[in-house]
Amino acid sequence: MELGLVVPAGLSPSAAVELAVAAEEIGLSSFWVPEGHGGDAFALLAAAALATSRIRLGSAVVNIYSRSATTIAMAAVTLAELSAGRFTLGIGTSHDEQMLSEHGLIRQRPMETIADVVEVVQRLQRDHQLSELKLGTMRVDRFGLDFAPTSRHIPVYLAAVRPKMMKLSMRIADGAIVVWRTASEIAVLGANRPVGWALAAIIHCAVGRRRRDCELALSDAREQSSQYRNYRALFESQEQHAGICCTDGASLSAGLLAHQMAGVDEALLRPLPAADSSADQATRRLLAVLRSRPVAS
């Protein structure tokens, strides 16, 4: 199982880029940028691409509604070029509440729309030009790049909160990204996967010295995510909640082993500060723990 790092909330753009360098230095496999309120994900990944040379880079995730499909595709191709093929595009359909309140947009036909975005990304990279493309939710009469991409393939992962999106990702994408799922749930969701398809899991790692502080940090993070109906329904149905209380190397290793046994290919760790620590302090401590243990198995 490969290990990656997800930028936590609370870091400045420059600190996020420095974190990519630090993740590469300790030998992590990948570095991921979510798009919330910490800065434009594609811009941060472009800066990280120029500051690193080996670590894989990914978006985890950008939504498909606040940019056009062609803009997403062009950004993906650009990042693949800047990173010499190290970029993975993680996309999702976001939430009704977030799209309406933050962007003034209404989510429509999410399953069909994300499938069409994947089609646009794949065609633009392959053909460099789009002409009279008619899909279920969109139409592109003409769009093209002024350069020929050298990257042969950009992996596309779909954010899968529900089983239907997981199944769609197995059919049209290179992998899926799950979040707030326990290891036992992941084992069920990832069953019967196709060959070559990757299962990535964003794992919230509450970093603190006491388990109780870590549990409270995870509870607070779930409470914040509960403002979205899909996550709220997920939490209400769970017999136990997801996340790792990272008080030391042993607790982190135990949590990671459970996810590896569940079939996770890429564990994407997102630090959560416990007690009164900051995002920067929690991230530094998590990196120190990772530095002292094997980062891949």
C-alpha atoms as a PDB file:
ATOM      1  CA  MET A   1       0.000   0.000   0.000  1.00  0.00           C
ATOM      2  CA  GLU A   2       1.342   3.402  -0.973  1.00  0.00           C
ATOM      3  CA  LEU A   3       1.174   6.390   1.337  1.00  0.00           C
ATOM      4  CA  GLY A   4       0.253   9.908   0.320  1.00  0.00           C
ATOM      5  CA  LEU A   5      -0.316  13.172   2.150  1.00  0.00           C
ATOM      6  CA  VAL A   6      -3.330  15.474   1.784  1.00  0.00           C
ATOM      7  CA  VAL A   7      -2.960  19.179   2.536  1.00  0.00           C
ATOM      8  CA  PRO A   8      -4.853  19.956   5.750  1.00  0.00           C
ATOM      9  CA  ALA A   9      -7.095  22.950   6.255  1.00  0.00           C
ATOM     10  CA  GLY A  10      -5.344  25.931   7.752  1.00  0.00           C
ATOM     11  CA  LEU A  11      -2.131  26.104   5.720  1.00  0.00           C
ATOM     12  CA  SER A  12      -1.170  29.030   3.509  1.00  0.00           C
ATOM     13  CA  PRO A  13      -0.483  28.371  -0.192  1.00  0.00           C
ATOM     14  CA  SER A  14       3.275  28.718   0.300  1.00  0.00           C
ATOM     15  CA  ALA A  15       3.177  26.350   3.281  1.00  0.00           C
ATOM     16  CA  ALA A  16       1.260  23.830   1.182  1.00  0.00           C
ATOM     17  CA  VAL A  17       3.983  23.856  -1.473  1.00  0.00           C
ATOM     18  CA  GLU A  18       6.654  23.468   1.208  1.00  0.00           C
ATOM     19  CA  LEU A  19       4.693  20.476   2.480  1.00  0.00           C
ATOM     20  CA  ALA A  20       4.930  18.832  -0.943  1.00  0.00           C
ATOM     21  CA  VAL A  21       8.708  19.168  -0.794  1.00  0.00           C
ATOM     22  CA  ALA A  22       8.785  17.713   2.717  1.00  0.00           C
ATOM     23  CA  ALA A  23       6.566  14.787   1.683  1.00  0.00           C
ATOM     24  CA  GLU A  24       8.925  14.013  -1.195  1.00  0.00           C
ATOM     25  CA  GLU A  25      11.972  14.241   1.052  1.00  0.00           C
ATOM     26  CA  ILE A  26      10.701  11.556   3.450  1.00  0.00           C
ATOM     27  CA  GLY A  27       9.772   9.242   0.589  1.00  0.00           C
ATOM     28  CA  LEU A  28       5.986   9.450   0.444  1.00  0.00           C
ATOM     29  CA  SER A  29       4.464   8.247  -2.805  1.00  0.00           C
ATOM     30  CA  SER A  30       2.037  11.087  -3.444  1.00  0.00           C
ATOM     31  CA  PHE A  31       0.865  14.562  -2.450  1.00  0.00           C
ATOM     32  CA  TRP A  32      -2.758  15.663  -2.814  1.00  0.00           C
ATOM     33  CA  VAL A  33      -4.505  19.013  -2.730  1.00  0.00           C
ATOM     34  CA  PRO A  34      -8.213  19.340  -1.944  1.00  0.00           C
ATOM     35  CA  GLU A  35     -10.146  22.328  -3.174  1.00  0.00           C
ATOM     36  CA  GLY A  36     -11.971  23.946  -0.322  1.00  0.00           C
ATOM     37  CA  HIS A  37     -10.868  27.346   0.915  1.00  0.00           C
ATOM     38  CA  GLY A  38      -7.098  26.907   1.046  1.00  0.00           C
ATOM     39  CA  GLY A  39      -6.386  28.142  -2.457  1.00  0.00           C
ATOM     40  CA  ASP A  40      -6.917  27.076  -6.044  1.00  0.00           C
ATOM     41  CA  ALA A  41      -6.017  23.382  -6.243  1.00  0.00           C
ATOM     42  CA  PHE A  42      -4.601  23.506  -9.755  1.00  0.00           C
ATOM     43  CA  ALA A  43      -2.438  26.535  -8.972  1.00  0.00           C
ATOM     44  CA  LEU A  44      -1.054  24.889  -5.820  1.00  0.00           C
ATOM     45  CA  LEU A  45      -0.343  21.671  -7.720  1.00  0.00           C
ATOM     46  CA  ALA A  46       1.443  23.584 -10.477  1.00  0.00           C
ATOM     47  CA  ALA A  47       3.697  25.208  -7.889  1.00  0.00           C
ATOM     48  CA  ALA A  48       4.275  21.815  -6.246  1.00  0.00           C
ATOM     49  CA  ALA A  49       5.110  20.275  -9.618  1.00  0.00           C
ATOM     50  CA  LEU A  50       7.885  22.827 -10.165  1.00  0.00           C
ATOM     51  CA  ALA A  51       9.203  22.432  -6.605  1.00  0.00           C
ATOM     52  CA  THR A  52       9.431  18.613  -6.690  1.00  0.00           C
ATOM     53  CA  SER A  53      10.758  15.979  -9.076  1.00  0.00           C
ATOM     54  CA  ARG A  54       9.615  12.508  -7.972  1.00  0.00           C
ATOM     55  CA  ILE A  55       6.460  12.528  -5.883  1.00  0.00           C
ATOM     56  CA  ARG A  56       3.133  11.966  -7.625  1.00  0.00           C
ATOM     57  CA  LEU A  57       0.661  14.846  -7.418  1.00  0.00           C
ATOM     58  CA  GLY A  58      -3.099  14.763  -7.343  1.00  0.00           C
ATOM     59  CA  SER A  59      -6.279  16.729  -6.758  1.00  0.00           C
ATOM     60  CA  ALA A  60      -8.419  15.277  -3.984  1.00  0.00           C
ATOM     61  CA  VAL A  61     -10.727  16.563  -5.174  1.00  0.00           C
ATOM     62  CA  VAL A  62     -11.928  19.353  -7.448  1.00  0.00           C
ATOM     63  CA  ASN A  63     -15.619  19.605  -8.232  1.00  0.00           C
ATOM     64  CA  ILE A  64     -16.957  19.351 -11.771  1.00  0.00           C
ATOM     65  CA  TYR A  65     -19.452  22.207 -11.638  1.00  0.00           C
ATOM     66  CA  SER A  66     -17.511  25.397 -10.912  1.00  0.00           C
ATOM     67  CA  ARG A  67     -15.276  24.912 -13.978  1.00  0.00           C
ATOM     68  CA  SER A  68     -16.215  23.846 -17.472  1.00  0.00           C
ATOM     69  CA  ALA A  69     -15.271  20.349 -18.580  1.00  0.00           C
ATOM     70  CA  THR A  70     -12.804  21.750 -21.102  1.00  0.00           C
ATOM     71  CA  THR A  71     -11.183  23.960 -18.458  1.00  0.00           C
ATOM     72  CA  ILE A  72     -10.761  20.951 -16.168  1.00  0.00           C
ATOM     73  CA  ALA A  73      -9.302  18.946 -19.041  1.00  0.00           C
ATOM     74  CA  MET A  74      -6.887  21.711 -20.033  1.00  0.00           C
ATOM     75  CA  ALA A  75      -5.748  22.121 -16.416  1.00  0.00           C
ATOM     76  CA  ALA A  76      -5.164  18.372 -16.140  1.00  0.00           C
ATOM     77  CA  VAL A  77      -3.112  18.263 -19.326  1.00  0.00           C
ATOM     78  CA  THR A  78      -1.118  21.313 -18.230  1.00  0.00           C
ATOM     79  CA  LEU A  79      -0.315  19.758 -14.862  1.00  0.00           C
ATOM     80  CA  ALA A  80       0.669  16.497 -16.498  1.00  0.00           C
ATOM     81  CA  GLU A  81       3.129  18.449 -18.639  1.00  0.00           C
ATOM     82  CA  LEU A  82       4.543  20.509 -15.767  1.00  0.00           C
ATOM     83  CA  SER A  83       4.995  17.421 -13.602  1.00  0.00           C
ATOM     84  CA  ALA A  84       6.394  15.153 -16.330  1.00  0.00           C
ATOM     85  CA  GLY A  85       3.461  12.786 -16.065  1.00  0.00           C
ATOM     86  CA  ARG A  86       3.162  12.731 -12.259  1.00  0.00           C
ATOM     87  CA  PHE A  87      -0.371  14.145 -12.056  1.00  0.00           C
ATOM     88  CA  THR A  88      -3.611  12.334 -11.161  1.00  0.00           C
ATOM     89  CA  LEU A  89      -6.925  14.130 -11.618  1.00  0.00           C
ATOM     90  CA  GLY A  90      -9.322  13.540  -8.760  1.00  0.00           C
ATOM     91  CA  ILE A  91     -12.803  14.924  -9.430  1.00  0.00           C
ATOM     92  CA  GLY A  92     -16.117  14.811  -7.618  1.00  0.00           C
ATOM     93  CA  THR A  93     -19.687  16.043  -7.803  1.00  0.00           C
ATOM     94  CA  SER A  94     -19.508  18.006  -4.518  1.00  0.00           C
ATOM     95  CA  HIS A  95     -22.699  18.650  -2.541  1.00  0.00           C
ATOM     96  CA  ASP A  96     -25.951  20.506  -3.223  1.00  0.00           C
ATOM     97  CA  GLU A  97     -25.395  22.700  -0.167  1.00  0.00           C
ATOM     98  CA  GLN A  98     -21.858  23.702  -1.143  1.00  0.00           C
ATOM     99  CA  MET A  99     -22.517  24.358  -4.803  1.00  0.00           C
ATOM    100  CA  LEU A 100     -25.524  26.558  -4.091  1.00  0.00           C
ATOM    101  CA  SER A 101     -24.194  28.528  -1.122  1.00  0.00           C
ATOM    102  CA  GLU A 102     -20.603  28.994  -2.329  1.00  0.00           C
ATOM    103  CA  HIS A 103     -20.937  29.115  -6.109  1.00  0.00           C
ATOM    104  CA  GLY A 104     -24.578  29.902  -6.781  1.00  0.00           C
ATOM    105  CA  LEU A 105     -24.826  26.742  -8.878  1.00  0.00           C
ATOM    106  CA  ILE A 106     -27.264  23.840  -8.885  1.00  0.00           C
ATOM    107  CA  ARG A 107     -25.960  20.303  -9.213  1.00  0.00           C
ATOM    108  CA  GLN A 108     -27.743  18.543 -12.037  1.00  0.00           C
ATOM    109  CA  ARG A 109     -27.427  14.939 -13.207  1.00  0.00           C
ATOM    110  CA  PRO A 110     -24.185  14.317 -11.278  1.00  0.00           C
ATOM    111  CA  MET A 111     -23.533  10.768 -12.489  1.00  0.00           C
ATOM    112  CA  GLU A 112     -23.991  11.685 -16.147  1.00  0.00           C
ATOM    113  CA  THR A 113     -22.095  14.953 -15.790  1.00  0.00           C
ATOM    114  CA  ILE A 114     -19.008  13.422 -14.220  1.00  0.00           C
ATOM    115  CA  ALA A 115     -18.965  10.703 -16.888  1.00  0.00           C
ATOM    116  CA  ASP A 116     -19.012  13.395 -19.558  1.00  0.00           C
ATOM    117  CA  VAL A 117     -16.171  15.292 -17.866  1.00  0.00           C
ATOM    118  CA  VAL A 118     -14.074  12.123 -17.869  1.00  0.00           C
ATOM    119  CA  GLU A 119     -14.809  11.703 -21.574  1.00  0.00           C
ATOM    120  CA  VAL A 120     -13.704  15.270 -22.316  1.00  0.00           C
ATOM    121  CA  VAL A 121     -10.468  14.847 -20.344  1.00  0.00           C
ATOM    122  CA  GLN A 122      -9.607  11.595 -22.055  1.00  0.00           C
ATOM    123  CA  ARG A 123     -10.395  12.879 -25.542  1.00  0.00           C
ATOM    124  CA  LEU A 124      -8.529  16.154 -25.153  1.00  0.00           C
ATOM    125  CA  GLN A 125      -5.382  14.426 -24.028  1.00  0.00           C
ATOM    126  CA  ARG A 126      -5.612  11.829 -26.764  1.00  0.00           C
ATOM    127  CA  ASP A 127      -6.660  14.012 -29.686  1.00  0.00           C
ATOM    128  CA  HIS A 128      -5.563  17.514 -28.535  1.00  0.00           C
ATOM    129  CA  GLN A 129      -8.702  18.841 -30.225  1.00  0.00           C
ATOM    130  CA  LEU A 130     -12.448  18.533 -29.653  1.00  0.00           C
ATOM    131  CA  SER A 131     -14.880  18.980 -32.504  1.00  0.00           C
ATOM    132  CA  GLU A 132     -18.662  18.541 -32.564  1.00  0.00           C
ATOM    133  CA  LEU A 133     -18.582  16.504 -29.384  1.00  0.00           C
ATOM    134  CA  LYS A 134     -22.128  15.749 -28.222  1.00  0.00           C
ATOM    135  CA  LEU A 135     -22.494  14.108 -24.840  1.00  0.00           C
ATOM    136  CA  GLY A 136     -25.410  13.521 -22.514  1.00  0.00           C
ATOM    137  CA  THR A 137     -25.077  16.710 -20.474  1.00  0.00           C
ATOM    138  CA  MET A 138     -22.910  18.950 -22.634  1.00  0.00           C
ATOM    139  CA  ARG A 139     -21.842  19.818 -26.135  1.00  0.00           C
ATOM    140  CA  VAL A 140     -18.452  21.084 -27.299  1.00  0.00           C
ATOM    141  CA  ASP A 141     -18.410  22.383 -30.864  1.00  0.00           C
ATOM    142  CA  ARG A 142     -14.706  23.142 -30.894  1.00  0.00           C
ATOM    143  CA  PHE A 143     -11.871  23.362 -28.403  1.00  0.00           C
ATOM    144  CA  GLY A 144      -8.206  22.655 -28.812  1.00  0.00           C
ATOM    145  CA  LEU A 145      -4.733  22.944 -27.356  1.00  0.00           C
ATOM    146  CA  ASP A 146      -1.919  24.935 -28.930  1.00  0.00           C
ATOM    147  CA  PHE A 147       0.547  22.222 -27.954  1.00  0.00           C
ATOM    148  CA  ALA A 148       0.695  18.453 -28.260  1.00  0.00           C
ATOM    149  CA  PRO A 149       0.707  16.801 -24.814  1.00  0.00           C
ATOM    150  CA  THR A 150       3.622  14.466 -24.206  1.00  0.00           C
ATOM    151  CA  SER A 151       2.035  12.590 -21.293  1.00  0.00           C
ATOM    152  CA  ARG A 152       0.488   9.381 -22.561  1.00  0.00           C
ATOM    153  CA  HIS A 153      -2.224   9.031 -19.943  1.00  0.00           C
ATOM    154  CA  ILE A 154      -3.641  11.092 -17.091  1.00  0.00           C
ATOM    155  CA  PRO A 155      -5.164   8.854 -14.395  1.00  0.00           C
ATOM    156  CA  VAL A 156      -8.630  10.001 -13.381  1.00  0.00           C
ATOM    157  CA  TYR A 157     -10.075   9.108  -9.959  1.00  0.00           C
ATOM    158  CA  LEU A 158     -13.704   9.713  -8.993  1.00  0.00           C
ATOM    159  CA  ALA A 159     -14.687  10.743  -5.482  1.00  0.00           C
ATOM    160  CA  ALA A 160     -17.091   8.006  -4.429  1.00  0.00           C
ATOM    161  CA  VAL A 161     -19.277   8.656  -1.396  1.00  0.00           C
ATOM    162  CA  ARG A 162     -21.962   6.209  -2.520  1.00  0.00           C
ATOM    163  CA  PRO A 163     -21.758   2.707  -4.027  1.00  0.00           C
ATOM    164  CA  LYS A 164     -23.211   3.888  -7.361  1.00  0.00           C
ATOM    165  CA  MET A 165     -20.311   6.275  -7.904  1.00  0.00           C
ATOM    166  CA  MET A 166     -17.890   3.538  -6.932  1.00  0.00           C
ATOM    167  CA  LYS A 167     -19.331   1.277  -9.622  1.00  0.00           C
ATOM    168  CA  LEU A 168     -19.190   4.083 -12.175  1.00  0.00           C
ATOM    169  CA  SER A 169     -15.536   4.716 -11.349  1.00  0.00           C
ATOM    170  CA  MET A 170     -14.751   1.048 -11.967  1.00  0.00           C
ATOM    171  CA  ARG A 171     -16.348   1.354 -15.385  1.00  0.00           C
ATOM    172  CA  ILE A 172     -14.969   4.651 -16.726  1.00  0.00           C
ATOM    173  CA  ALA A 173     -12.070   5.799 -14.514  1.00  0.00           C
ATOM    174  CA  ASP A 174      -8.671   4.651 -13.291  1.00  0.00           C
ATOM    175  CA  GLY A 175      -9.630   4.620  -9.646  1.00  0.00           C
ATOM    176  CA  ALA A 176     -11.809   5.991  -6.872  1.00  0.00           C
ATOM    177  CA  ILE A 177     -11.221   8.145  -3.814  1.00  0.00           C
ATOM    178  CA  VAL A 178     -13.287   7.356  -0.726  1.00  0.00           C
ATOM    179  CA  VAL A 179     -13.487   9.506   2.380  1.00  0.00           C
ATOM    180  CA  TRP A 180     -14.878   9.008   5.881  1.00  0.00           C
ATOM    181  CA  ARG A 181     -15.123   5.255   5.278  1.00  0.00           C
ATOM    182  CA  THR A 182     -13.980   2.602   7.743  1.00  0.00           C
ATOM    183  CA  ALA A 183     -11.693  -0.203   6.636  1.00  0.00           C
ATOM    184  CA  SER A 184     -14.548  -2.724   6.785  1.00  0.00           C
ATOM    185  CA  GLU A 185     -16.749  -0.510   4.597  1.00  0.00           C
ATOM    186  CA  ILE A 186     -13.931  -0.041   2.104  1.00  0.00           C
ATOM    187  CA  ALA A 187     -13.456  -3.794   1.809  1.00  0.00           C
ATOM    188  CA  VAL A 188     -17.085  -4.134   0.688  1.00  0.00           C
ATOM    189  CA  LEU A 189     -17.079  -1.112  -1.619  1.00  0.00           C
ATOM    190  CA  GLY A 190     -13.916  -2.209  -3.398  1.00  0.00           C
ATOM    191  CA  ALA A 191     -14.978  -5.773  -4.029  1.00  0.00           C
ATOM    192  CA  ASN A 192     -14.898  -7.129  -7.597  1.00  0.00           C
ATOM    193  CA  ARG A 193     -12.619  -4.358  -8.806  1.00  0.00           C
ATOM    194  CA  PRO A 194     -11.243  -4.505 -12.355  1.00  0.00           C
ATOM    195  CA  VAL A 195      -7.576  -5.203 -12.977  1.00  0.00           C
ATOM    196  CA  GLY A 196      -5.440  -2.062 -12.873  1.00  0.00           C
ATOM    197  CA  TRP A 197      -8.069   0.002 -11.074  1.00  0.00           C
ATOM    198  CA  ALA A 198      -6.869   1.820  -7.923  1.00  0.00           C
ATOM    199  CA  LEU A 199      -8.662   2.381  -4.636  1.00  0.00           C
ATOM    200  CA  ALA A 200      -7.499   5.454  -2.727  1.00  0.00           C
ATOM    201  CA  ALA A 201      -8.798   6.398   0.710  1.00  0.00           C
ATOM    202  CA  ILE A 202      -8.538   9.791   2.358  1.00  0.00           C
ATOM    203  CA  ILE A 203      -7.872   8.916   5.989  1.00  0.00           C
ATOM    204  CA  HIS A 204      -8.275  11.641   8.577  1.00  0.00           C
ATOM    205  CA  CYS A 205      -5.403  11.320  11.045  1.00  0.00           C
ATOM    206  CA  ALA A 206      -6.005  13.148  14.301  1.00  0.00           C
ATOM    207  CA  VAL A 207      -2.542  13.919  15.656  1.00  0.00           C
ATOM    208  CA  GLY A 208      -2.127  14.416  19.389  1.00  0.00           C
ATOM    209  CA  ARG A 209      -0.531  13.058  22.517  1.00  0.00           C
ATOM    210  CA  ARG A 210      -3.734  11.700  24.081  1.00  0.00           C
ATOM    211  CA  ARG A 211      -6.254   9.414  22.429  1.00  0.00           C
ATOM    212  CA  ARG A 212      -9.153  11.360  23.923  1.00  0.00           C
ATOM    213  CA  ASP A 213      -7.942  14.571  22.276  1.00  0.00           C
ATOM    214  CA  CYS A 214      -7.669  12.760  18.935  1.00  0.00           C
ATOM    215  CA  GLU A 215     -11.177  11.334  19.249  1.00  0.00           C
ATOM    216  CA  LEU A 216     -12.545  14.811  19.912  1.00  0.00           C
ATOM    217  CA  ALA A 217     -10.724  16.189  16.854  1.00  0.00           C
ATOM    218  CA  LEU A 218     -12.222  13.472  14.654  1.00  0.00           C
ATOM    219  CA  SER A 219     -15.682  14.115  16.140  1.00  0.00           C
ATOM    220  CA  ASP A 220     -15.368  17.844  15.419  1.00  0.00           C
ATOM    221  CA  ALA A 221     -14.304  17.133  11.830  1.00  0.00           C
ATOM    222  CA  ARG A 222     -17.287  14.826  11.319  1.00  0.00           C
ATOM    223  CA  GLU A 223     -19.584  17.465  12.763  1.00  0.00           C
ATOM    224  CA  GLN A 224     -18.286  19.979  10.245  1.00  0.00           C
ATOM    225  CA  SER A 225     -18.797  17.517   7.376  1.00  0.00           C
ATOM    226  CA  SER A 226     -22.322  16.759   8.635  1.00  0.00           C
ATOM    227  CA  GLN A 227     -23.542  20.037   7.145  1.00  0.00           C
ATOM    228  CA  TYR A 228     -23.665  18.075   3.887  1.00  0.00           C
ATOM    229  CA  ARG A 229     -26.579  15.682   3.577  1.00  0.00           C
ATOM    230  CA  ASN A 230     -24.603  12.869   1.956  1.00  0.00           C
ATOM    231  CA  TYR A 231     -22.022  12.772   4.737  1.00  0.00           C
ATOM    232  CA  ARG A 232     -24.688  13.136   7.419  1.00  0.00           C
ATOM    233  CA  ALA A 233     -26.504  10.082   6.088  1.00  0.00           C
ATOM    234  CA  LEU A 234     -23.222   8.173   5.954  1.00  0.00           C
ATOM    235  CA  PHE A 235     -22.345   8.955   9.564  1.00  0.00           C
ATOM    236  CA  GLU A 236     -25.815   8.001  10.765  1.00  0.00           C
ATOM    237  CA  SER A 237     -25.539   4.579   9.114  1.00  0.00           C
ATOM    238  CA  GLN A 238     -22.078   3.719  10.432  1.00  0.00           C
ATOM    239  CA  GLU A 239     -21.675   1.332  13.344  1.00  0.00           C
ATOM    240  CA  GLN A 240     -18.279   2.887  14.010  1.00  0.00           C
ATOM    241  CA  HIS A 241     -16.632   5.996  12.640  1.00  0.00           C
ATOM    242  CA  ALA A 242     -13.650   6.326  10.327  1.00  0.00           C
ATOM    243  CA  GLY A 243     -10.304   7.927  11.060  1.00  0.00           C
ATOM    244  CA  ILE A 244      -7.086   7.188  12.903  1.00  0.00           C
ATOM    245  CA  CYS A 245      -6.059   8.470  16.318  1.00  0.00           C
ATOM    246  CA  CYS A 246      -2.360   9.040  15.738  1.00  0.00           C
ATOM    247  CA  THR A 247      -0.740   9.308  19.138  1.00  0.00           C
ATOM    248  CA  ASP A 248       2.436   7.511  18.068  1.00  0.00           C
ATOM    249  CA  GLY A 249       3.910   5.311  15.359  1.00  0.00           C
ATOM    250  CA  ALA A 250       2.217   2.173  16.646  1.00  0.00           C
ATOM    251  CA  SER A 251      -1.292   3.655  16.501  1.00  0.00           C
ATOM    252  CA  LEU A 252      -0.705   4.940  12.983  1.00  0.00           C
ATOM    253  CA  SER A 253       0.713   1.602  11.821  1.00  0.00           C
ATOM    254  CA  ALA A 254      -2.255  -0.291  13.235  1.00  0.00           C
ATOM    255  CA  GLY A 255      -4.716   1.961  11.434  1.00  0.00           C
ATOM    256  CA  LEU A 256      -2.840   1.721   8.164  1.00  0.00           C
ATOM    257  CA  LEU A 257      -2.597  -2.059   8.396  1.00  0.00           C
ATOM    258  CA  ALA A 258      -6.383  -2.298   8.719  1.00  0.00           C
ATOM    259  CA  HIS A 259      -6.805  -0.260   5.536  1.00  0.00           C
ATOM    260  CA  GLN A 260      -4.199  -2.282   3.693  1.00  0.00           C
ATOM    261  CA  MET A 261      -5.997  -5.500   4.632  1.00  0.00           C
ATOM    262  CA  ALA A 262      -9.224  -3.939   3.341  1.00  0.00           C
ATOM    263  CA  GLY A 263      -7.682  -3.538  -0.108  1.00  0.00           C
ATOM    264  CA  VAL A 264      -6.706   0.127  -0.103  1.00  0.00           C
ATOM    265  CA  ASP A 265      -4.029   0.765  -2.724  1.00  0.00           C
ATOM    266  CA  GLU A 266      -3.258   4.355  -1.715  1.00  0.00           C
ATOM    267  CA  ALA A 267      -3.738   5.685   1.824  1.00  0.00           C
ATOM    268  CA  LEU A 268      -4.028   9.467   1.603  1.00  0.00           C
ATOM    269  CA  LEU A 269      -3.393  10.860   5.069  1.00  0.00           C
ATOM    270  CA  ARG A 270      -4.998  14.157   6.022  1.00  0.00           C
ATOM    271  CA  PRO A 271      -3.699  15.568   9.315  1.00  0.00           C
ATOM    272  CA  LEU A 272      -6.155  16.881  11.902  1.00  0.00           C
ATOM    273  CA  PRO A 273      -4.778  18.882  14.845  1.00  0.00           C
ATOM    274  CA  ALA A 274      -5.863  17.637  18.260  1.00  0.00           C
ATOM    275  CA  ALA A 275      -6.152  19.690  21.453  1.00  0.00           C
ATOM    276  CA  ASP A 276      -4.731  23.176  20.909  1.00  0.00           C
ATOM    277  CA  SER A 277      -2.187  22.352  18.214  1.00  0.00           C
ATOM    278  CA  SER A 278      -2.210  24.055  14.815  1.00  0.00           C
ATOM    279  CA  ALA A 279      -2.512  22.441  11.399  1.00  0.00           C
ATOM    280  CA  ASP A 280       1.188  23.093  10.834  1.00  0.00           C
ATOM    281  CA  GLN A 281       2.168  21.485  14.156  1.00  0.00           C
ATOM    282  CA  ALA A 282      -0.028  18.435  13.539  1.00  0.00           C
ATOM    283  CA  THR A 283       1.378  18.012  10.049  1.00  0.00           C
ATOM    284  CA  ARG A 284       4.970  18.276  11.230  1.00  0.00           C
ATOM    285  CA  ARG A 285       4.346  15.677  13.912  1.00  0.00           C
ATOM    286  CA  LEU A 286       2.681  13.322  11.444  1.00  0.00           C
ATOM    287  CA  LEU A 287       5.634  13.699   9.078  1.00  0.00           C
ATOM    288  CA  ALA A 288       7.995  12.899  11.946  1.00  0.00           C
ATOM    289  CA  VAL A 289       6.046   9.730  12.711  1.00  0.00           C
ATOM    290  CA  LEU A 290       6.068   8.746   9.042  1.00  0.00           C
ATOM    291  CA  ARG A 291       9.776   9.445   8.759  1.00  0.00           C
ATOM    292  CA  SER A 292      10.465   6.948  11.535  1.00  0.00           C
ATOM    293  CA  ARG A 293       8.549   4.070   9.939  1.00  0.00           C
ATOM    294  CA  PRO A 294       8.488   2.393   6.518  1.00  0.00           C
ATOM    295  CA  VAL A 295       6.367   4.500   4.145  1.00  0.00           C
ATOM    296  CA  ALA A 296       5.319   1.742   1.779  1.00  0.00           C
ATOM    297  CA  SER A 297       4.708  -1.983   1.865  1.00  0.00           C
END
